[in-house]
């Protein structure tokens, strides 16, 4: 699994843990389940493509 980080505000999302407030269950697939038009829930500025895989 992986952790992705927003370069604008440092919001992190861990695919192992998921994010229930965003509708992502634990173990979700970043590439298959996160829509291309999804944006950072904290800063609202960055798109999915801007997120950096940090682990």
N, C-alpha and C. Protein backbone atom coordinates (compact mmCIF):
# COMPACT_ATOMS: atom_id res chain seq x y z
N UNK A 1 0.83 -1.17 0.00
CA UNK A 1 0.00 0.00 0.00
C UNK A 1 0.88 1.25 0.00
N UNK A 2 0.26 2.42 -0.10
CA UNK A 2 1.04 3.64 -0.28
C UNK A 2 0.41 4.82 0.47
N UNK A 3 1.24 5.84 0.66
CA UNK A 3 0.78 7.10 1.24
C UNK A 3 1.03 8.19 0.20
N UNK A 4 0.02 9.02 -0.03
CA UNK A 4 0.12 10.12 -0.98
C UNK A 4 -0.06 11.43 -0.21
N UNK A 5 0.68 12.46 -0.63
CA UNK A 5 0.67 13.73 0.08
C UNK A 5 0.40 14.89 -0.87
N UNK A 6 -0.42 15.82 -0.42
CA UNK A 6 -0.69 17.04 -1.17
C UNK A 6 0.51 17.97 -1.00
N UNK A 7 1.08 18.46 -2.09
CA UNK A 7 2.23 19.35 -1.99
C UNK A 7 1.86 20.76 -1.52
N UNK A 8 0.58 21.07 -1.51
CA UNK A 8 0.14 22.40 -1.11
C UNK A 8 -0.05 22.56 0.39
N UNK A 9 -0.59 21.51 1.04
CA UNK A 9 -0.92 21.65 2.46
C UNK A 9 -0.44 20.47 3.31
N UNK A 10 0.18 19.48 2.69
CA UNK A 10 0.71 18.30 3.37
C UNK A 10 -0.36 17.32 3.87
N UNK A 11 -1.61 17.46 3.39
CA UNK A 11 -2.63 16.45 3.68
C UNK A 11 -2.12 15.11 3.17
N UNK A 12 -2.28 14.08 3.97
CA UNK A 12 -1.84 12.73 3.57
C UNK A 12 -3.01 11.77 3.57
N UNK A 13 -2.96 10.86 2.60
CA UNK A 13 -3.95 9.80 2.54
C UNK A 13 -3.21 8.48 2.36
N UNK A 14 -3.50 7.57 3.26
CA UNK A 14 -2.85 6.26 3.31
C UNK A 14 -3.81 5.24 2.74
N UNK A 15 -3.41 4.57 1.68
CA UNK A 15 -4.31 3.59 1.05
C UNK A 15 -4.59 2.40 1.95
N UNK A 16 -3.72 2.13 2.91
CA UNK A 16 -3.95 1.03 3.85
C UNK A 16 -5.08 1.37 4.81
N UNK A 17 -5.10 2.61 5.26
CA UNK A 17 -6.07 3.06 6.26
C UNK A 17 -7.36 3.56 5.61
N UNK A 18 -7.23 4.21 4.46
CA UNK A 18 -8.38 4.80 3.79
C UNK A 18 -8.74 6.14 4.41
N UNK A 19 -9.86 6.70 3.99
CA UNK A 19 -10.37 7.96 4.52
C UNK A 19 -11.89 7.92 4.38
N UNK A 20 -12.56 7.55 5.46
CA UNK A 20 -14.01 7.37 5.40
C UNK A 20 -14.74 8.67 5.06
N UNK A 21 -14.20 9.81 5.47
CA UNK A 21 -14.86 11.08 5.17
C UNK A 21 -14.83 11.39 3.67
N UNK A 22 -13.89 10.79 2.95
CA UNK A 22 -13.79 10.96 1.51
C UNK A 22 -14.38 9.78 0.74
N UNK A 23 -14.83 8.76 1.47
CA UNK A 23 -15.45 7.60 0.83
C UNK A 23 -14.48 6.52 0.38
N UNK A 24 -13.25 6.53 0.93
CA UNK A 24 -12.25 5.54 0.55
C UNK A 24 -12.06 4.55 1.69
N UNK A 25 -12.41 3.30 1.44
CA UNK A 25 -12.29 2.23 2.43
C UNK A 25 -10.83 1.82 2.60
N UNK A 26 -10.49 1.24 3.75
CA UNK A 26 -9.13 0.72 3.93
C UNK A 26 -8.77 -0.25 2.80
N UNK A 27 -7.55 -0.10 2.28
CA UNK A 27 -7.09 -0.97 1.20
C UNK A 27 -7.50 -0.51 -0.19
N UNK A 28 -7.99 0.72 -0.31
CA UNK A 28 -8.45 1.18 -1.63
C UNK A 28 -7.28 1.30 -2.61
N UNK A 29 -7.61 1.26 -3.88
CA UNK A 29 -6.63 1.36 -4.96
C UNK A 29 -6.60 2.80 -5.47
N UNK A 30 -5.48 3.48 -5.25
CA UNK A 30 -5.34 4.89 -5.63
C UNK A 30 -5.65 5.10 -7.12
N UNK A 31 -5.05 4.30 -7.97
CA UNK A 31 -5.20 4.49 -9.42
C UNK A 31 -6.60 4.16 -9.91
N UNK A 32 -7.20 3.11 -9.37
CA UNK A 32 -8.49 2.65 -9.88
C UNK A 32 -9.69 3.33 -9.21
N UNK A 33 -9.58 3.71 -7.94
CA UNK A 33 -10.74 4.18 -7.20
C UNK A 33 -10.82 5.69 -6.96
N UNK A 34 -9.72 6.39 -7.11
CA UNK A 34 -9.74 7.84 -6.90
C UNK A 34 -9.98 8.51 -8.26
N UNK A 35 -11.07 9.24 -8.38
CA UNK A 35 -11.37 9.89 -9.67
C UNK A 35 -10.30 10.90 -10.08
N UNK A 36 -10.11 11.06 -11.35
CA UNK A 36 -9.10 12.00 -11.85
C UNK A 36 -9.41 13.44 -11.44
N UNK A 37 -10.69 13.76 -11.24
CA UNK A 37 -11.05 15.13 -10.86
C UNK A 37 -11.14 15.34 -9.35
N UNK A 38 -10.69 14.35 -8.58
CA UNK A 38 -10.67 14.47 -7.11
C UNK A 38 -9.64 15.50 -6.71
N UNK A 39 -9.95 16.29 -5.70
CA UNK A 39 -9.02 17.32 -5.22
C UNK A 39 -8.80 17.19 -3.72
N UNK A 40 -7.80 17.84 -3.22
CA UNK A 40 -7.44 17.77 -1.82
C UNK A 40 -8.60 18.24 -0.94
N UNK A 41 -9.03 17.42 0.03
CA UNK A 41 -10.14 17.81 0.89
C UNK A 41 -9.76 18.88 1.91
N UNK A 42 -8.49 19.09 2.14
CA UNK A 42 -8.07 20.11 3.11
C UNK A 42 -7.90 21.49 2.47
N UNK A 43 -7.14 21.57 1.38
CA UNK A 43 -6.90 22.89 0.78
C UNK A 43 -7.76 23.13 -0.45
N UNK A 44 -8.29 22.05 -1.05
CA UNK A 44 -9.16 22.20 -2.20
C UNK A 44 -8.49 22.68 -3.47
N UNK A 45 -7.19 22.81 -3.44
CA UNK A 45 -6.48 23.39 -4.58
C UNK A 45 -5.86 22.33 -5.48
N UNK A 46 -5.22 21.37 -4.91
CA UNK A 46 -4.47 20.39 -5.69
C UNK A 46 -5.36 19.28 -6.22
N UNK A 47 -5.08 18.84 -7.43
CA UNK A 47 -5.79 17.72 -8.04
C UNK A 47 -5.05 16.42 -7.75
N UNK A 48 -5.70 15.31 -8.05
CA UNK A 48 -5.10 13.99 -7.82
C UNK A 48 -3.71 13.89 -8.45
N UNK A 49 -3.54 14.42 -9.64
CA UNK A 49 -2.26 14.29 -10.35
C UNK A 49 -1.12 15.02 -9.63
N UNK A 50 -1.47 15.98 -8.77
CA UNK A 50 -0.45 16.74 -8.05
C UNK A 50 0.06 16.02 -6.80
N UNK A 51 -0.69 15.05 -6.31
CA UNK A 51 -0.30 14.34 -5.09
C UNK A 51 0.99 13.56 -5.34
N UNK A 52 1.84 13.55 -4.33
CA UNK A 52 3.12 12.86 -4.42
C UNK A 52 3.08 11.58 -3.59
N UNK A 53 3.54 10.49 -4.18
CA UNK A 53 3.64 9.23 -3.45
C UNK A 53 4.87 9.33 -2.55
N UNK A 54 4.66 9.25 -1.23
CA UNK A 54 5.79 9.41 -0.32
C UNK A 54 6.20 8.10 0.35
N UNK A 55 5.40 7.07 0.22
CA UNK A 55 5.81 5.74 0.70
C UNK A 55 4.94 4.67 0.09
